[in-house]
Amino acid sequence: MKTPQDDSKTLRQEMQEIMNQAHALVDATSGELDDRIKSARAALVERLNLSQGSISRMETQILDKVQAADEFVHVKPYYAIGGTFVGGLLLGWFMSRK
């Protein structure tokens, strides 16, 4: 069974691969002299640096919320079962409507 940490690790790897590809694009265009390419490269580098920090913060927040939900389910399992049952009923009712 996959754990939230496994999902988080997979997401982190995928985002790191995207960032690596973007950095490779920046490096590949480093010899270009056109001002538009230079400004686009600078904007991309700045955006990559900002996104790395925000991804780390989001990952931390998501893991905290997952752990809180896990603790809640362990403390009050019948509330979780009841909430899931009611949610399933509502979802079924909405999906069966024409």
N, C-alpha and C. Protein backbone atom coordinates (compact mmCIF):
# COMPACT_ATOMS: atom_id res chain seq x y z
N MET A 1 0.84 -1.18 0.00
CA MET A 1 0.00 0.00 0.00
C MET A 1 0.89 1.24 0.00
N LYS A 2 0.53 2.20 -0.84
CA LYS A 2 1.32 3.43 -0.93
C LYS A 2 1.00 4.33 0.26
N THR A 3 2.03 4.95 0.76
CA THR A 3 1.86 5.88 1.86
C THR A 3 1.93 7.31 1.31
N PRO A 4 1.46 8.28 2.08
CA PRO A 4 1.57 9.68 1.63
C PRO A 4 3.02 10.08 1.36
N GLN A 5 3.95 9.50 2.10
CA GLN A 5 5.35 9.84 1.87
C GLN A 5 5.80 9.35 0.49
N ASP A 6 5.29 8.16 0.05
CA ASP A 6 5.63 7.65 -1.28
C ASP A 6 5.09 8.58 -2.36
N ASP A 7 3.84 9.02 -2.19
CA ASP A 7 3.24 9.94 -3.15
C ASP A 7 4.01 11.26 -3.18
N SER A 8 4.41 11.73 -2.01
CA SER A 8 5.16 12.97 -1.93
C SER A 8 6.51 12.81 -2.62
N LYS A 9 7.15 11.67 -2.43
CA LYS A 9 8.45 11.44 -3.06
C LYS A 9 8.30 11.40 -4.58
N THR A 10 7.25 10.77 -5.07
CA THR A 10 7.01 10.71 -6.51
C THR A 10 6.77 12.10 -7.08
N LEU A 11 5.94 12.88 -6.40
CA LEU A 11 5.66 14.24 -6.83
C LEU A 11 6.92 15.08 -6.84
N ARG A 12 7.73 14.94 -5.81
CA ARG A 12 8.98 15.69 -5.72
C ARG A 12 9.91 15.32 -6.87
N GLN A 13 9.99 14.02 -7.20
CA GLN A 13 10.86 13.58 -8.29
C GLN A 13 10.38 14.13 -9.63
N GLU A 14 9.07 14.13 -9.85
CA GLU A 14 8.53 14.66 -11.10
C GLU A 14 8.79 16.16 -11.22
N MET A 15 8.59 16.89 -10.15
CA MET A 15 8.83 18.33 -10.18
C MET A 15 10.32 18.62 -10.36
N GLN A 16 11.17 17.81 -9.76
CA GLN A 16 12.61 18.00 -9.92
C GLN A 16 13.00 17.75 -11.37
N GLU A 17 12.39 16.75 -12.01
CA GLU A 17 12.69 16.46 -13.41
C GLU A 17 12.27 17.63 -14.31
N ILE A 18 11.12 18.22 -14.03
CA ILE A 18 10.66 19.38 -14.80
C ILE A 18 11.63 20.54 -14.62
N MET A 19 12.07 20.76 -13.40
CA MET A 19 13.00 21.85 -13.15
C MET A 19 14.35 21.58 -13.82
N ASN A 20 14.78 20.34 -13.80
CA ASN A 20 16.04 19.99 -14.47
C ASN A 20 15.95 20.26 -15.97
N GLN A 21 14.81 19.93 -16.57
CA GLN A 21 14.62 20.19 -17.99
C GLN A 21 14.60 21.68 -18.28
N ALA A 22 13.98 22.46 -17.41
CA ALA A 22 13.95 23.91 -17.59
C ALA A 22 15.36 24.49 -17.45
N HIS A 23 16.12 23.99 -16.50
CA HIS A 23 17.51 24.45 -16.36
C HIS A 23 18.32 24.07 -17.59
N ALA A 24 18.07 22.88 -18.15
CA ALA A 24 18.78 22.47 -19.36
C ALA A 24 18.43 23.40 -20.51
N LEU A 25 17.17 23.83 -20.58
CA LEU A 25 16.76 24.78 -21.62
C LEU A 25 17.48 26.12 -21.44
N VAL A 26 17.59 26.57 -20.22
CA VAL A 26 18.31 27.81 -19.93
C VAL A 26 19.76 27.68 -20.35
N ASP A 27 20.37 26.56 -20.01
CA ASP A 27 21.78 26.35 -20.37
C ASP A 27 21.96 26.25 -21.89
N ALA A 28 21.00 25.64 -22.58
CA ALA A 28 21.11 25.47 -24.03
C ALA A 28 21.02 26.81 -24.75
N THR A 29 20.31 27.76 -24.19
CA THR A 29 20.16 29.07 -24.84
C THR A 29 21.14 30.10 -24.30
N SER A 30 22.14 29.67 -23.57
CA SER A 30 23.06 30.63 -22.95
C SER A 30 23.93 31.36 -23.97
N GLY A 31 24.13 30.78 -25.16
CA GLY A 31 24.97 31.43 -26.16
C GLY A 31 24.21 32.40 -27.05
N GLU A 32 22.91 32.48 -26.90
CA GLU A 32 22.10 33.37 -27.74
C GLU A 32 22.31 34.82 -27.34
N LEU A 33 22.33 35.70 -28.33
CA LEU A 33 22.60 37.11 -28.08
C LEU A 33 21.35 37.99 -28.16
N ASP A 34 20.25 37.43 -28.58
CA ASP A 34 19.03 38.20 -28.74
C ASP A 34 18.52 38.67 -27.36
N ASP A 35 18.09 39.94 -27.29
CA ASP A 35 17.62 40.49 -26.02
C ASP A 35 16.36 39.79 -25.52
N ARG A 36 15.48 39.38 -26.44
CA ARG A 36 14.26 38.69 -26.01
C ARG A 36 14.60 37.36 -25.35
N ILE A 37 15.56 36.65 -25.90
CA ILE A 37 15.95 35.36 -25.32
C ILE A 37 16.61 35.58 -23.97
N LYS A 38 17.43 36.61 -23.86
CA LYS A 38 18.08 36.90 -22.58
C LYS A 38 17.05 37.23 -21.51
N SER A 39 16.06 38.04 -21.85
CA SER A 39 15.04 38.40 -20.86
C SER A 39 14.17 37.19 -20.51
N ALA A 40 13.87 36.35 -21.50
CA ALA A 40 13.08 35.14 -21.23
C ALA A 40 13.87 34.19 -20.33
N ARG A 41 15.17 34.05 -20.57
CA ARG A 41 16.02 33.20 -19.73
C ARG A 41 16.04 33.71 -18.30
N ALA A 42 16.20 35.02 -18.14
CA ALA A 42 16.25 35.61 -16.80
C ALA A 42 14.93 35.39 -16.06
N ALA A 43 13.82 35.56 -16.77
CA ALA A 43 12.51 35.35 -16.15
C ALA A 43 12.32 33.88 -15.76
N LEU A 44 12.78 32.98 -16.62
CA LEU A 44 12.65 31.55 -16.33
C LEU A 44 13.49 31.15 -15.13
N VAL A 45 14.69 31.65 -15.05
CA VAL A 45 15.56 31.33 -13.91
C VAL A 45 14.94 31.86 -12.61
N GLU A 46 14.42 33.07 -12.66
CA GLU A 46 13.78 33.64 -11.47
C GLU A 46 12.57 32.82 -11.05
N ARG A 47 11.74 32.43 -12.02
CA ARG A 47 10.55 31.64 -11.74
C ARG A 47 10.91 30.26 -11.19
N LEU A 48 11.98 29.65 -11.70
CA LEU A 48 12.42 28.35 -11.19
C LEU A 48 12.86 28.45 -9.74
N ASN A 49 13.59 29.49 -9.42
CA ASN A 49 14.04 29.66 -8.03
C ASN A 49 12.87 29.87 -7.08
N LEU A 50 11.87 30.65 -7.52
CA LEU A 50 10.70 30.86 -6.68
C LEU A 50 9.89 29.57 -6.52
N SER A 51 9.78 28.81 -7.59
CA SER A 51 8.95 27.60 -7.53
C SER A 51 9.57 26.53 -6.65
N GLN A 52 10.89 26.46 -6.57
CA GLN A 52 11.52 25.46 -5.71
C GLN A 52 11.13 25.69 -4.25
N GLY A 53 11.13 26.93 -3.82
CA GLY A 53 10.74 27.23 -2.44
C GLY A 53 9.28 26.97 -2.18
N SER A 54 8.43 27.32 -3.13
CA SER A 54 7.00 27.12 -2.91
C SER A 54 6.63 25.65 -2.92
N ILE A 55 7.33 24.84 -3.71
CA ILE A 55 7.06 23.40 -3.74
C ILE A 55 7.41 22.79 -2.39
N SER A 56 8.50 23.20 -1.80
CA SER A 56 8.90 22.67 -0.49
C SER A 56 7.88 23.05 0.58
N ARG A 57 7.41 24.29 0.54
CA ARG A 57 6.40 24.72 1.52
C ARG A 57 5.09 23.97 1.33
N MET A 58 4.66 23.79 0.07
CA MET A 58 3.42 23.06 -0.19
C MET A 58 3.53 21.61 0.28
N GLU A 59 4.66 20.99 0.02
CA GLU A 59 4.85 19.60 0.43
C GLU A 59 4.74 19.47 1.94
N THR A 60 5.35 20.41 2.65
CA THR A 60 5.30 20.37 4.11
C THR A 60 3.87 20.55 4.61
N GLN A 61 3.13 21.49 4.03
CA GLN A 61 1.75 21.72 4.43
C GLN A 61 0.87 20.51 4.14
N ILE A 62 1.05 19.90 2.98
CA ILE A 62 0.24 18.74 2.62
C ILE A 62 0.52 17.58 3.56
N LEU A 63 1.78 17.33 3.85
CA LEU A 63 2.12 16.23 4.76
C LEU A 63 1.57 16.48 6.16
N ASP A 64 1.59 17.73 6.63
CA ASP A 64 1.02 18.05 7.93
C ASP A 64 -0.48 17.77 7.96
N LYS A 65 -1.17 18.15 6.89
CA LYS A 65 -2.62 17.92 6.84
C LYS A 65 -2.95 16.44 6.73
N VAL A 66 -2.15 15.70 5.99
CA VAL A 66 -2.38 14.25 5.87
C VAL A 66 -2.18 13.58 7.22
N GLN A 67 -1.14 13.99 7.95
CA GLN A 67 -0.90 13.41 9.27
C GLN A 67 -2.03 13.76 10.24
N ALA A 68 -2.54 14.98 10.16
CA ALA A 68 -3.65 15.39 11.03
C ALA A 68 -4.90 14.57 10.71
N ALA A 69 -5.17 14.36 9.42
CA ALA A 69 -6.33 13.55 9.04
C ALA A 69 -6.15 12.11 9.49
N ASP A 70 -4.95 11.58 9.39
CA ASP A 70 -4.68 10.22 9.82
C ASP A 70 -4.90 10.07 11.33
N GLU A 71 -4.44 11.04 12.08
CA GLU A 71 -4.66 11.01 13.53
C GLU A 71 -6.14 11.09 13.86
N PHE A 72 -6.89 11.94 13.15
CA PHE A 72 -8.32 12.07 13.39
C PHE A 72 -9.04 10.75 13.14
N VAL A 73 -8.67 10.07 12.04
CA VAL A 73 -9.32 8.80 11.70
C VAL A 73 -9.00 7.76 12.77
N HIS A 74 -7.80 7.78 13.31
CA HIS A 74 -7.45 6.81 14.35
C HIS A 74 -8.14 7.12 15.68
N VAL A 75 -8.35 8.40 15.96
CA VAL A 75 -8.99 8.78 17.22
C VAL A 75 -10.50 8.58 17.14
N LYS A 76 -11.12 8.96 16.02
CA LYS A 76 -12.58 8.87 15.87
C LYS A 76 -12.92 8.15 14.56
N PRO A 77 -12.76 6.83 14.52
CA PRO A 77 -12.99 6.12 13.26
C PRO A 77 -14.44 6.15 12.81
N TYR A 78 -15.38 6.15 13.75
CA TYR A 78 -16.79 6.13 13.34
C TYR A 78 -17.22 7.45 12.71
N TYR A 79 -16.64 8.55 13.13
CA TYR A 79 -16.92 9.82 12.47
C TYR A 79 -16.44 9.79 11.02
N ALA A 80 -15.27 9.23 10.82
CA ALA A 80 -14.72 9.14 9.46
C ALA A 80 -15.58 8.23 8.60
N ILE A 81 -16.00 7.11 9.16
CA ILE A 81 -16.86 6.18 8.40
C ILE A 81 -18.18 6.84 8.06
N GLY A 82 -18.78 7.53 9.03
CA GLY A 82 -20.05 8.21 8.80
C GLY A 82 -19.93 9.32 7.77
N GLY A 83 -18.87 10.09 7.87
CA GLY A 83 -18.65 11.17 6.91
C GLY A 83 -18.45 10.64 5.50
N THR A 84 -17.72 9.56 5.39
CA THR A 84 -17.50 8.94 4.08
C THR A 84 -18.81 8.39 3.53
N PHE A 85 -19.62 7.79 4.39
CA PHE A 85 -20.91 7.25 3.96
C PHE A 85 -21.82 8.36 3.45
N VAL A 86 -21.92 9.44 4.20
CA VAL A 86 -22.77 10.57 3.79
C VAL A 86 -22.24 11.19 2.50
N GLY A 87 -20.93 11.34 2.41
CA GLY A 87 -20.33 11.88 1.18
C GLY A 87 -20.62 10.99 -0.01
N GLY A 88 -20.54 9.68 0.17
CA GLY A 88 -20.86 8.74 -0.91
C GLY A 88 -22.31 8.81 -1.32
N LEU A 89 -23.20 8.95 -0.34
CA LEU A 89 -24.62 9.08 -0.67
C LEU A 89 -24.89 10.34 -1.48
N LEU A 90 -24.32 11.46 -1.05
CA LEU A 90 -24.50 12.72 -1.78
C LEU A 90 -23.91 12.64 -3.18
N LEU A 91 -22.75 12.07 -3.30
CA LEU A 91 -22.12 11.93 -4.61
C LEU A 91 -22.96 11.04 -5.52
N GLY A 92 -23.45 9.93 -4.99
CA GLY A 92 -24.33 9.05 -5.77
C GLY A 92 -25.60 9.75 -6.19
N TRP A 93 -26.17 10.54 -5.28
CA TRP A 93 -27.41 11.24 -5.60
C TRP A 93 -27.17 12.27 -6.71
N PHE A 94 -26.06 13.03 -6.62
CA PHE A 94 -25.75 14.02 -7.64
C PHE A 94 -25.46 13.37 -8.99
N MET A 95 -24.80 12.25 -8.97
CA MET A 95 -24.44 11.58 -10.23
C MET A 95 -25.65 10.91 -10.88
N SER A 96 -26.64 10.51 -10.08
CA SER A 96 -27.81 9.84 -10.65
C SER A 96 -28.83 10.82 -11.21
N ARG A 97 -28.71 12.09 -10.87
CA ARG A 97 -29.64 13.10 -11.39
C ARG A 97 -29.37 13.34 -12.87
N LYS A 98 -30.40 13.66 -13.58
CA LYS A 98 -30.24 13.90 -15.02
C LYS A 98 -30.09 15.35 -15.29
